[in-house]
């Protein structure tokens, strides 16, 4: 019988932190095209709308950097709970906003939560996950983001038919619901075993590992003992180095892992995915397709559905192939969108609109752009979307994991802020040329991943030192001498030792029985 509370249910529940991020994305894309929003906030365009969008990323940048301290000292779990409280405060301020300034302030506060949760949820998931299914477990973060976008978008689409300020105030307020659920539910879930070990709470770490890995909480399971010993050995070697964890981040041994983590998060943003997430309504309006808001919802449905294959098979496909293929395909479709806009578009004569370039009278080209956006979104959802969350927390040791992932997510949010702030202006200034720029970014991402990112699928977190230091070019897959996972080798050794000790115990027991029999015979003869 499968236990209800296990790694998958725990990871799915904590992925509500990703749902919050999805709610925020939809809180922009689902509202910016509505008349009540434009009227109340005085039709924000260009950098003004960019400031509203980018405010959350600015707060997230601060939140991700502060997660380094909170995640290490208060634990991953408690820090996520602190983030949910900040989210509720931000949602309240946004819902009650009386102008652009208060709306931006609310989004900054909500961003503090997203910075914390987007950093610590993948860390928590990767630290509780078995090595063979870690990609599947951490991919739940991206799945939750897509669910959050879709749910909030449809809430806002429904509310858009309300002819009052409630059309945007109600969706802003509803954002608090998943945060409240996450805050309460986390009280019943365990701390990360690796965080417990880093605080020398070894008994608790062993019990949590047994709870996560065995159906009957067997602390004597060879696999549990092997993973426990790997964590113990890794922490001991880190402590023997006796260096500052901040200094260690940029040591020769760790810095290339930190930089590739930061780069993957940066390339994820520069892929252009959030350009579509935030501003796809603007793009569809510029090509004059009917029901642009409703067509945008299809984009989010596709992204949610296309995340499922990555959840199921990312641990079989591997990180590198997913990133490489995804970058090439996404770049191709952005070049197609830019080319269609260049070929069939014309200047927009109306000045107070968010786009200065439009397609009129070419329905085939307009529909092709809609289809290209859909294919791009589906490609991102099955490739860079989930893997960008999987990779950063799995490649660094526990001693610096929170700090490294914090820097990686800081690069994400810094790039996100720049894009959120600048894309509305770019749509007005360079129009179709913007898509060629993002297409080129995807090609650059392909080249960088090819030369700098090793394959990490189905390896333990403690095995990453060997992967990054095996002396071969990083694009060559690391293999140990027995071509199998070190944890399994250790578990086999422990099992053999248990069997040997059992045989010794049986031999001693037989000797004791035999000596007892001789003694009884001797006693009876007297």
Protein backbone atom coordinates (compact mmCIF):
# COMPACT_ATOMS: atom_id res chain seq x y z
CA UNK A 1 0.00 0.00 0.00
CA UNK A 2 1.38 3.42 -0.99
CA UNK A 3 1.70 5.87 1.88
CA UNK A 4 -0.18 9.12 1.26
CA UNK A 5 2.55 11.36 2.70
CA UNK A 6 5.66 10.62 0.64
CA UNK A 7 8.29 12.45 -1.42
CA UNK A 8 5.86 13.15 -4.26
CA UNK A 9 3.01 14.48 -2.16
CA UNK A 10 5.38 16.60 -0.07
CA UNK A 11 7.05 18.02 -3.20
CA UNK A 12 3.72 18.63 -4.91
CA UNK A 13 2.43 20.52 -1.90
CA UNK A 14 5.55 22.66 -1.48
CA UNK A 15 5.35 23.44 -5.20
CA UNK A 16 2.47 25.73 -4.25
CA UNK A 17 5.34 28.20 -3.89
CA UNK A 18 5.63 27.97 -7.68
CA UNK A 19 1.89 28.47 -8.02
CA UNK A 20 2.33 31.87 -6.39
CA UNK A 21 4.80 32.84 -9.12
CA UNK A 22 2.31 31.65 -11.74
CA UNK A 23 -0.43 33.75 -10.14
CA UNK A 24 1.79 36.80 -10.45
CA UNK A 25 2.54 36.19 -14.15
CA UNK A 26 -1.18 35.96 -14.90
CA UNK A 27 -1.90 39.01 -12.73
CA UNK A 28 -0.13 41.00 -15.46
CA UNK A 29 -1.05 39.17 -18.67
CA UNK A 30 -4.69 38.69 -17.71
CA UNK A 31 -5.31 42.31 -16.70
CA UNK A 32 -3.24 44.67 -18.89
CA UNK A 33 -5.66 44.36 -21.81
CA UNK A 34 -8.82 45.15 -19.81
CA UNK A 35 -10.56 48.53 -19.96
CA UNK A 36 -11.08 48.86 -16.18
CA UNK A 37 -7.34 48.42 -15.54
CA UNK A 38 -6.42 50.96 -18.21
CA UNK A 39 -8.97 53.44 -16.91
CA UNK A 40 -8.08 53.18 -13.20
CA UNK A 41 -4.29 53.26 -13.70
CA UNK A 42 -4.43 55.84 -16.50
CA UNK A 43 -3.50 53.48 -19.37
CA UNK A 44 0.12 52.68 -18.35
CA UNK A 45 2.37 52.23 -21.40
CA UNK A 46 6.08 51.73 -22.07
CA UNK A 47 8.32 52.12 -19.03
CA UNK A 48 5.33 52.87 -16.76
CA UNK A 49 3.83 49.45 -17.43
CA UNK A 50 7.36 48.05 -17.32
CA UNK A 51 7.77 49.48 -13.82
CA UNK A 52 4.58 47.75 -12.68
CA UNK A 53 5.67 44.43 -14.20
CA UNK A 54 9.29 44.68 -13.07
CA UNK A 55 8.42 45.63 -9.49
CA UNK A 56 7.87 42.00 -8.53
CA UNK A 57 11.21 40.98 -10.01
CA UNK A 58 12.92 43.77 -8.05
CA UNK A 59 11.43 42.44 -4.81
CA UNK A 60 12.27 38.88 -5.86
CA UNK A 61 15.91 39.84 -6.35
CA UNK A 62 16.08 41.01 -2.71
CA UNK A 63 14.11 37.97 -1.53
CA UNK A 64 16.37 35.49 -3.33
CA UNK A 65 19.51 37.09 -1.86
CA UNK A 66 18.04 37.08 1.67
CA UNK A 67 17.07 33.40 1.29
CA UNK A 68 20.74 32.57 1.67
CA UNK A 69 20.67 33.53 5.35
CA UNK A 70 17.12 32.47 6.16
CA UNK A 71 17.41 29.12 4.38
CA UNK A 72 20.60 28.14 6.20
CA UNK A 73 19.71 29.38 9.68
CA UNK A 74 15.92 28.98 9.95
CA UNK A 75 15.64 25.98 7.59
CA UNK A 76 14.16 25.72 4.11
CA UNK A 77 10.70 24.95 5.47
CA UNK A 78 10.32 27.84 7.93
CA UNK A 79 11.75 30.33 5.42
CA UNK A 80 9.14 29.27 2.85
CA UNK A 81 6.46 29.92 5.50
CA UNK A 82 7.87 33.42 6.06
CA UNK A 83 7.58 33.98 2.31
CA UNK A 84 3.89 33.04 2.31
CA UNK A 85 3.20 35.67 4.99
CA UNK A 86 4.90 38.30 2.82
CA UNK A 87 2.84 37.16 -0.16
CA UNK A 88 -0.43 37.66 1.72
CA UNK A 89 0.67 41.18 2.70
CA UNK A 90 1.60 41.98 -0.91
CA UNK A 91 -1.69 40.61 -2.28
CA UNK A 92 -3.61 42.74 0.21
CA UNK A 93 -1.74 45.91 -0.76
CA UNK A 94 -2.25 45.23 -4.48
CA UNK A 95 -5.94 44.56 -4.01
CA UNK A 96 -6.40 47.80 -2.05
CA UNK A 97 -4.12 49.93 -4.26
CA UNK A 98 -5.26 53.48 -5.02
CA UNK A 99 -2.80 54.10 -7.84
CA UNK A 100 0.31 52.91 -9.66
CA UNK A 101 2.61 53.69 -6.71
CA UNK A 102 0.69 51.51 -4.25
CA UNK A 103 0.34 48.75 -6.85
CA UNK A 104 4.12 48.74 -7.37
CA UNK A 105 4.70 48.68 -3.59
CA UNK A 106 2.42 45.63 -3.23
CA UNK A 107 4.20 43.85 -6.06
CA UNK A 108 7.60 44.53 -4.46
CA UNK A 109 6.40 42.94 -1.19
CA UNK A 110 4.98 39.96 -3.08
CA UNK A 111 8.31 39.73 -4.87
CA UNK A 112 10.10 39.20 -1.57
CA UNK A 113 8.02 36.02 -1.19
CA UNK A 114 8.71 34.85 -4.74
CA UNK A 115 12.43 35.40 -4.23
CA UNK A 116 12.36 33.22 -1.10
CA UNK A 117 10.12 30.46 -2.43
CA UNK A 118 11.62 30.25 -5.92
CA UNK A 119 15.03 29.71 -4.30
CA UNK A 120 14.13 27.44 -1.39
CA UNK A 121 11.37 25.24 -2.82
CA UNK A 122 13.68 23.61 -5.44
CA UNK A 123 16.38 23.23 -2.77
CA UNK A 124 13.95 21.53 -0.40
CA UNK A 125 12.61 19.30 -3.19
CA UNK A 126 16.09 18.26 -4.37
CA UNK A 127 17.24 17.51 -0.81
CA UNK A 128 14.32 15.17 -0.04
CA UNK A 129 14.20 13.48 -3.46
CA UNK A 130 15.76 10.11 -4.34
CA UNK A 131 18.61 10.60 -6.79
CA UNK A 132 16.96 8.62 -9.59
CA UNK A 133 13.78 10.72 -9.61
CA UNK A 134 15.16 14.11 -8.51
CA UNK A 135 14.43 15.67 -11.92
CA UNK A 136 10.83 14.50 -11.75
CA UNK A 137 10.38 15.83 -8.23
CA UNK A 138 11.89 19.26 -8.87
CA UNK A 139 10.01 19.57 -12.20
CA UNK A 140 6.86 19.81 -10.11
CA UNK A 141 7.93 23.41 -9.41
CA UNK A 142 7.53 24.36 -13.09
CA UNK A 143 4.30 22.37 -13.30
CA UNK A 144 2.92 24.35 -10.37
CA UNK A 145 3.96 27.62 -12.04
CA UNK A 146 2.03 26.70 -15.21
CA UNK A 147 -1.01 25.68 -13.16
CA UNK A 148 -0.84 28.96 -11.26
CA UNK A 149 -0.68 30.97 -14.49
CA UNK A 150 -3.60 29.10 -16.00
CA UNK A 151 -5.86 29.24 -12.95
CA UNK A 152 -5.24 32.93 -12.26
CA UNK A 153 -5.58 33.83 -15.93
CA UNK A 154 -9.02 32.26 -16.14
CA UNK A 155 -10.03 33.93 -12.86
CA UNK A 156 -9.01 37.25 -14.35
CA UNK A 157 -10.60 36.49 -17.71
CA UNK A 158 -13.88 35.81 -15.89
CA UNK A 159 -13.51 38.93 -13.77
CA UNK A 160 -12.81 41.03 -16.87
CA UNK A 161 -16.53 40.94 -17.62
CA UNK A 162 -17.22 42.78 -14.35
CA UNK A 163 -17.72 46.44 -15.15
CA UNK A 164 -16.07 47.86 -12.04
CA UNK A 165 -12.77 47.98 -10.16
CA UNK A 166 -13.58 44.49 -8.82
CA UNK A 167 -12.42 43.18 -12.21
CA UNK A 168 -8.81 43.51 -11.02
CA UNK A 169 -9.16 43.84 -7.22
CA UNK A 170 -10.79 40.42 -6.77
CA UNK A 171 -8.04 38.51 -8.66
CA UNK A 172 -5.35 40.36 -6.68
CA UNK A 173 -7.01 39.33 -3.41
CA UNK A 174 -7.52 35.70 -4.48
CA UNK A 175 -3.75 35.36 -4.85
CA UNK A 176 -3.49 34.97 -1.06
CA UNK A 177 -5.43 31.66 -0.98
CA UNK A 178 -2.63 29.23 -2.03
CA UNK A 179 -0.18 31.07 0.25
CA UNK A 180 -2.42 30.49 3.28
CA UNK A 181 -2.79 26.80 2.37
CA UNK A 182 0.99 26.40 1.96
CA UNK A 183 1.75 28.17 5.25
CA UNK A 184 -0.59 25.90 7.25
CA UNK A 185 0.28 22.65 5.49
CA UNK A 186 4.05 22.95 5.96
CA UNK A 187 3.65 22.44 9.72
CA UNK A 188 3.00 18.74 9.02
CA UNK A 189 5.96 18.14 6.72
CA UNK A 190 9.56 17.24 7.68
CA UNK A 191 12.66 19.39 7.58
CA UNK A 192 15.20 18.66 4.86
CA UNK A 193 17.44 15.78 6.05
CA UNK A 194 20.52 17.50 4.65
CA UNK A 195 19.70 20.72 6.49
CA UNK A 196 19.24 18.72 9.70
CA UNK A 197 22.61 17.07 9.14
CA UNK A 198 24.27 20.44 8.55
CA UNK A 199 22.99 21.45 12.02
CA UNK A 200 24.33 18.20 13.57
CA UNK A 201 20.81 16.91 14.21
CA UNK A 202 21.88 13.49 12.97
CA UNK A 203 19.22 11.37 14.67
CA UNK A 204 16.48 13.49 13.14
CA UNK A 205 18.20 13.39 9.74
CA UNK A 206 18.31 9.58 9.84
CA UNK A 207 14.64 9.33 10.86
CA UNK A 208 13.58 11.71 8.07
CA UNK A 209 15.60 9.73 5.51
CA UNK A 210 13.98 6.51 6.70
CA UNK A 211 10.55 8.16 6.47
CA UNK A 212 11.21 9.38 2.92
CA UNK A 213 12.89 6.25 1.56
CA UNK A 214 11.11 3.30 3.17
CA UNK A 215 7.41 2.46 3.66
CA UNK A 216 7.95 1.33 7.26
CA UNK A 217 10.46 3.99 8.48
CA UNK A 218 13.28 1.41 8.52
CA UNK A 219 16.41 3.17 9.79
CA UNK A 220 18.40 -0.04 9.15
CA UNK A 221 17.66 -0.13 5.42
CA UNK A 222 20.97 -0.37 3.46
CA UNK A 223 19.89 2.41 1.08
CA UNK A 224 18.98 4.70 3.97
CA UNK A 225 22.27 3.98 5.75
CA UNK A 226 24.22 4.48 2.50
CA UNK A 227 22.62 7.88 1.84
CA UNK A 228 23.14 8.85 5.49
CA UNK A 229 26.84 7.93 5.22
CA UNK A 230 27.23 9.88 1.97
CA UNK A 231 25.78 12.98 3.61
CA UNK A 232 28.03 12.45 6.64
CA UNK A 233 31.17 12.04 4.51
CA UNK A 234 30.33 15.07 2.37
CA UNK A 235 29.75 17.32 5.39
CA UNK A 236 32.92 16.09 7.08
CA UNK A 237 35.04 16.86 4.01
CA UNK A 238 33.44 20.31 3.72
CA UNK A 239 34.12 21.07 7.39
CA UNK A 240 37.70 19.85 7.15
CA UNK A 241 38.24 22.45 4.45
CA UNK A 242 37.35 24.96 7.22
CA UNK A 243 36.82 27.88 4.87
CA UNK A 244 34.15 30.54 4.85
CA UNK A 245 31.16 29.31 2.89
CA UNK A 246 30.92 32.71 1.18
CA UNK A 247 34.59 32.47 0.17
CA UNK A 248 34.06 28.87 -0.91
CA UNK A 249 31.38 29.98 -3.38
CA UNK A 250 34.09 31.49 -5.54
CA UNK A 251 36.80 28.93 -4.86
CA UNK A 252 38.29 27.12 -7.83
CA UNK A 253 36.33 24.00 -6.92
CA UNK A 254 32.87 25.59 -6.68
CA UNK A 255 32.81 28.75 -8.78
CA UNK A 256 32.27 27.09 -12.15
CA UNK A 257 29.20 25.35 -10.73
CA UNK A 258 27.89 28.64 -9.34
CA UNK A 259 28.46 30.40 -12.65
CA UNK A 260 26.75 27.71 -14.75
CA UNK A 261 23.79 27.76 -12.33
CA UNK A 262 23.55 31.54 -12.67
CA UNK A 263 23.93 31.31 -16.44
CA UNK A 264 21.18 28.71 -16.84
CA UNK A 265 18.76 30.88 -14.85
CA UNK A 266 19.80 33.93 -16.90
CA UNK A 267 19.44 32.13 -20.25
CA UNK A 268 16.04 30.88 -19.11
CA UNK A 269 14.86 34.48 -18.88
CA UNK A 270 16.66 35.57 -22.06
CA UNK A 271 14.94 32.76 -23.97
CA UNK A 272 11.98 35.13 -24.18
CA UNK A 273 9.53 32.90 -22.33
CA UNK A 274 8.46 35.63 -19.93
CA UNK A 275 8.10 38.07 -22.81
CA UNK A 276 5.21 35.88 -23.92
CA UNK A 277 4.06 35.12 -20.37
CA UNK A 278 3.63 38.79 -19.53
CA UNK A 279 2.87 40.42 -22.87
CA UNK A 280 1.36 37.79 -25.17
CA UNK A 281 -1.92 39.75 -25.15
CA UNK A 282 -0.07 42.76 -26.59
CA UNK A 283 1.43 40.55 -29.33
CA UNK A 284 -1.91 38.98 -30.26
CA UNK A 285 -3.59 42.41 -30.30
CA UNK A 286 -0.85 43.73 -32.59
CA UNK A 287 -1.56 41.05 -35.22
CA UNK A 288 -5.32 41.69 -34.93
CA UNK A 289 -6.58 38.20 -34.18
CA UNK A 290 -10.08 37.95 -32.74
CA UNK A 291 -10.46 37.37 -29.00
CA UNK A 292 -6.80 37.95 -28.15
CA UNK A 293 -7.39 37.45 -24.40
CA UNK A 294 -9.06 34.07 -24.97
CA UNK A 295 -6.38 32.93 -27.42
CA UNK A 296 -3.73 33.83 -24.83
CA UNK A 297 -5.34 31.34 -22.43
CA UNK A 298 -4.58 28.53 -24.91
CA UNK A 299 -0.89 29.41 -24.59
CA UNK A 300 -1.03 28.78 -20.85
CA UNK A 301 -2.96 25.53 -21.24
CA UNK A 302 -0.34 24.25 -23.70
CA UNK A 303 2.46 25.16 -21.30
CA UNK A 304 0.78 23.31 -18.46
CA UNK A 305 0.21 20.16 -20.54
CA UNK A 306 3.70 20.17 -22.06
CA UNK A 307 5.34 20.25 -18.62
CA UNK A 308 4.02 16.73 -17.97
CA UNK A 309 6.47 14.90 -20.33
CA UNK A 310 9.40 16.58 -18.61
CA UNK A 311 8.11 15.50 -15.20
CA UNK A 312 7.80 11.90 -16.41
CA UNK A 313 10.99 11.54 -18.43
CA UNK A 314 13.55 14.24 -17.53
CA UNK A 315 15.49 11.69 -15.45
CA UNK A 316 15.73 9.43 -18.50
CA UNK A 317 16.35 12.09 -21.15
CA UNK A 318 19.01 13.93 -19.16
CA UNK A 319 19.52 17.63 -18.46
CA UNK A 320 21.89 18.45 -21.33
CA UNK A 321 19.84 17.08 -24.25
CA UNK A 322 16.71 18.82 -22.97
CA UNK A 323 18.47 22.19 -22.68
CA UNK A 324 20.27 21.91 -26.02
CA UNK A 325 17.29 20.83 -28.10
CA UNK A 326 15.01 23.30 -26.34
CA UNK A 327 17.32 26.26 -27.05
CA UNK A 328 17.56 25.51 -30.78
CA UNK A 329 13.79 25.04 -31.22
CA UNK A 330 12.88 28.15 -29.21
CA UNK A 331 15.37 30.26 -31.15
CA UNK A 332 13.92 28.99 -34.45
CA UNK A 333 10.35 29.99 -33.56
CA UNK A 334 11.34 33.45 -32.37
CA UNK A 335 13.11 34.01 -35.70
CA UNK A 336 9.91 32.92 -37.45
CA UNK A 337 7.79 35.36 -35.42
CA UNK A 338 10.20 38.23 -36.09
CA UNK A 339 10.36 37.39 -39.80
CA UNK A 340 6.58 37.30 -40.19
CA UNK A 341 6.19 40.62 -38.39
CA UNK A 342 8.91 42.17 -40.57
CA UNK A 343 7.45 40.84 -43.82
CA UNK A 344 3.75 41.49 -43.29
CA UNK A 345 3.69 44.25 -40.66
CA UNK A 346 3.32 48.00 -40.91
CA UNK A 347 3.57 50.98 -38.53
CA UNK A 348 0.63 51.51 -36.18
CA UNK A 349 -0.79 55.01 -36.72
CA UNK A 350 -2.48 55.13 -33.29
CA UNK A 351 0.00 56.47 -30.73
CA UNK A 352 -1.55 55.53 -27.35
CA UNK A 353 -1.31 51.77 -27.82
CA UNK A 354 1.33 49.39 -26.38
CA UNK A 355 2.58 48.39 -29.84
CA UNK A 356 3.79 50.53 -32.76
CA UNK A 357 3.89 47.73 -35.36
CA UNK A 358 0.91 45.66 -36.48
CA UNK A 359 -0.30 43.17 -39.07
CA UNK A 360 -3.58 44.03 -40.79
CA UNK A 361 -5.23 42.07 -43.59
CA UNK A 362 -2.91 39.05 -43.51
CA UNK A 363 -4.83 36.46 -41.45
CA UNK A 364 -2.51 33.59 -42.46
CA UNK A 365 0.53 35.47 -41.13
CA UNK A 366 -1.35 36.45 -37.95
CA UNK A 367 -2.43 32.85 -37.34
CA UNK A 368 1.11 31.64 -38.02
CA UNK A 369 2.41 34.00 -35.32
CA UNK A 370 -0.19 32.70 -32.87
CA UNK A 371 0.82 29.10 -33.69
CA UNK A 372 4.52 29.96 -33.35
CA UNK A 373 3.89 31.43 -29.90
CA UNK A 374 2.07 28.24 -28.90
CA UNK A 375 4.90 25.98 -30.13
CA UNK A 376 7.50 28.16 -28.46
CA UNK A 377 5.59 28.01 -25.15
CA UNK A 378 5.22 24.23 -25.37
CA UNK A 379 8.93 23.82 -26.12
CA UNK A 380 9.90 25.99 -23.16
CA UNK A 381 7.55 24.03 -20.88
CA UNK A 382 9.15 20.71 -21.75
CA UNK A 383 12.77 21.94 -21.69
CA UNK A 384 14.18 25.07 -20.08
CA UNK A 385 11.16 25.66 -17.83
CA UNK A 386 11.63 22.60 -15.58
CA UNK A 387 15.37 21.99 -16.05
CA UNK A 388 16.27 25.54 -15.02
CA UNK A 389 14.80 24.68 -11.59
CA UNK A 390 16.38 21.21 -11.43
CA UNK A 391 20.00 22.10 -12.24
CA UNK A 392 21.10 24.86 -9.78
CA UNK A 393 20.26 23.08 -6.49
CA UNK A 394 21.74 19.74 -7.50
CA UNK A 395 25.25 20.74 -8.59
CA UNK A 396 26.64 22.32 -5.38
CA UNK A 397 27.41 20.89 -1.90
CA UNK A 398 24.97 21.35 0.97
CA UNK A 399 27.36 23.76 2.71
CA UNK A 400 26.90 26.39 0.00
CA UNK A 401 23.69 25.18 -1.66
CA UNK A 402 21.38 27.91 -0.36
CA UNK A 403 23.92 30.62 -1.20
CA UNK A 404 24.62 29.28 -4.68
CA UNK A 405 20.95 28.86 -5.59
CA UNK A 406 20.31 32.30 -4.12
CA UNK A 407 22.83 33.80 -6.56
CA UNK A 408 21.41 31.76 -9.43
CA UNK A 409 17.89 33.00 -8.73
CA UNK A 410 19.23 36.52 -8.21
CA UNK A 411 20.56 36.39 -11.79
CA UNK A 412 17.10 35.17 -12.84
CA UNK A 413 15.31 38.03 -11.13
CA UNK A 414 17.78 40.68 -12.20
CA UNK A 415 17.28 39.59 -15.82
CA UNK A 416 13.52 39.27 -15.25
CA UNK A 417 13.40 42.83 -13.93
CA UNK A 418 15.30 44.21 -16.90
CA UNK A 419 13.02 42.37 -19.33
CA UNK A 420 9.79 43.19 -17.49
CA UNK A 421 10.78 46.84 -17.38
CA UNK A 422 12.14 47.14 -20.92
CA UNK A 423 9.98 44.87 -23.11
CA UNK A 424 6.94 47.23 -23.23
CA UNK A 425 9.31 49.97 -24.40
CA UNK A 426 11.06 47.60 -26.85
CA UNK A 427 7.71 46.61 -28.36
CA UNK A 428 7.13 50.28 -29.08
CA UNK A 429 10.67 51.17 -30.17
CA UNK A 430 12.05 48.23 -32.18
CA UNK A 431 8.92 46.04 -32.56
CA UNK A 432 9.72 42.93 -34.66
CA UNK A 433 13.50 43.29 -34.20
CA UNK A 434 13.06 42.34 -30.54
CA UNK A 435 12.21 38.75 -31.53
CA UNK A 436 15.45 38.40 -33.47
CA UNK A 437 17.36 39.50 -30.37
CA UNK A 438 15.75 36.79 -28.24
CA UNK A 439 16.26 34.23 -31.00
CA UNK A 440 19.98 35.05 -30.90
CA UNK A 441 19.99 34.68 -27.11
CA UNK A 442 18.70 31.11 -27.51
CA UNK A 443 21.51 30.25 -29.92
CA UNK A 444 24.04 31.68 -27.44
CA UNK A 445 22.47 29.57 -24.69
CA UNK A 446 22.91 26.43 -26.83
CA UNK A 447 26.62 27.15 -27.31
CA UNK A 448 27.21 27.88 -23.63
CA UNK A 449 25.40 24.75 -22.40
CA UNK A 450 27.28 22.60 -24.91
CA UNK A 451 30.66 23.58 -23.53
CA UNK A 452 29.93 24.27 -19.85
CA UNK A 453 27.09 22.09 -18.50
CA UNK A 454 27.79 18.42 -17.60
CA UNK A 455 25.11 15.77 -17.39
CA UNK A 456 23.87 15.21 -13.82
CA UNK A 457 20.87 12.90 -14.20
CA UNK A 458 20.45 10.05 -11.70
CA UNK A 459 23.53 11.00 -9.66
CA UNK A 460 23.44 11.72 -5.95
CA UNK A 461 23.90 15.26 -4.69
CA UNK A 462 27.10 14.13 -2.96
CA UNK A 463 28.46 12.76 -6.26
CA UNK A 464 28.65 16.14 -8.01
CA UNK A 465 32.29 16.73 -6.99
CA UNK A 466 33.35 13.81 -9.17
CA UNK A 467 31.14 14.92 -12.07
CA UNK A 468 32.70 18.39 -12.21
CA UNK A 469 36.26 17.25 -11.48
CA UNK A 470 36.68 14.01 -13.43
CA UNK A 471 39.28 15.62 -15.69
CA UNK A 472 37.41 15.28 -19.00
CA UNK A 473 35.63 18.06 -20.93
CA UNK A 474 32.36 18.84 -19.19
CA UNK A 475 30.26 17.84 -22.20
CA UNK A 476 31.47 14.25 -21.75
CA UNK A 477 29.29 12.26 -19.36
CA UNK A 478 30.97 11.27 -16.10
CA UNK A 479 31.17 7.53 -15.41
CA UNK A 480 32.68 5.92 -12.35
CA UNK A 481 34.73 2.76 -12.59
CA UNK A 482 31.80 0.40 -12.13
CA UNK A 483 29.52 2.54 -14.34
CA UNK A 484 26.84 2.65 -11.68
CA UNK A 485 25.72 5.01 -8.98
CA UNK A 486 28.01 5.41 -6.00
CA UNK A 487 25.09 5.31 -3.59
CA UNK A 488 24.06 1.91 -4.90
CA UNK A 489 27.66 0.66 -4.57
CA UNK A 490 27.73 1.84 -0.97
CA UNK A 491 24.32 0.28 -0.28
CA UNK A 492 25.58 -3.03 -1.71
CA UNK A 493 28.68 -2.86 0.51
CA UNK A 494 26.53 -2.14 3.57
CA UNK A 495 24.19 -5.00 2.70
CA UNK A 496 27.13 -7.39 2.29
CA UNK A 497 28.54 -6.22 5.63
CA UNK A 498 25.16 -6.79 7.28
CA UNK A 499 25.04 -10.28 5.77
CA UNK A 500 28.59 -10.99 6.94
CA UNK A 501 27.81 -9.81 10.45
CA UNK A 502 24.64 -11.89 10.37
CA UNK A 503 26.68 -14.95 9.39
CA UNK A 504 29.17 -14.22 12.18
CA UNK A 505 26.28 -13.85 14.62
CA UNK A 506 24.77 -17.15 13.44
CA UNK A 507 28.14 -18.87 13.79
CA UNK A 508 28.59 -17.52 17.31
CA UNK A 509 25.03 -18.53 18.15
CA UNK A 510 25.69 -22.07 16.88
CA UNK A 511 28.92 -22.24 18.85
CA UNK A 512 27.07 -21.09 21.96
CA UNK A 513 24.36 -23.73 21.40
CA UNK A 514 27.02 -26.41 20.85
CA UNK A 515 28.93 -25.43 23.97
CA UNK A 516 25.67 -25.45 25.94
CA UNK A 517 24.90 -28.94 24.64
CA UNK A 518 28.39 -30.20 25.65
CA UNK A 519 27.96 -28.65 29.08
CA UNK A 520 24.58 -30.34 29.54
CA UNK A 521 26.09 -33.68 28.45
CA UNK A 522 29.01 -33.20 30.81
CA UNK A 523 26.70 -32.27 33.69
CA UNK A 524 24.40 -35.26 33.10
CA UNK A 525 27.38 -37.68 32.98
CA UNK A 526 28.45 -36.56 36.45
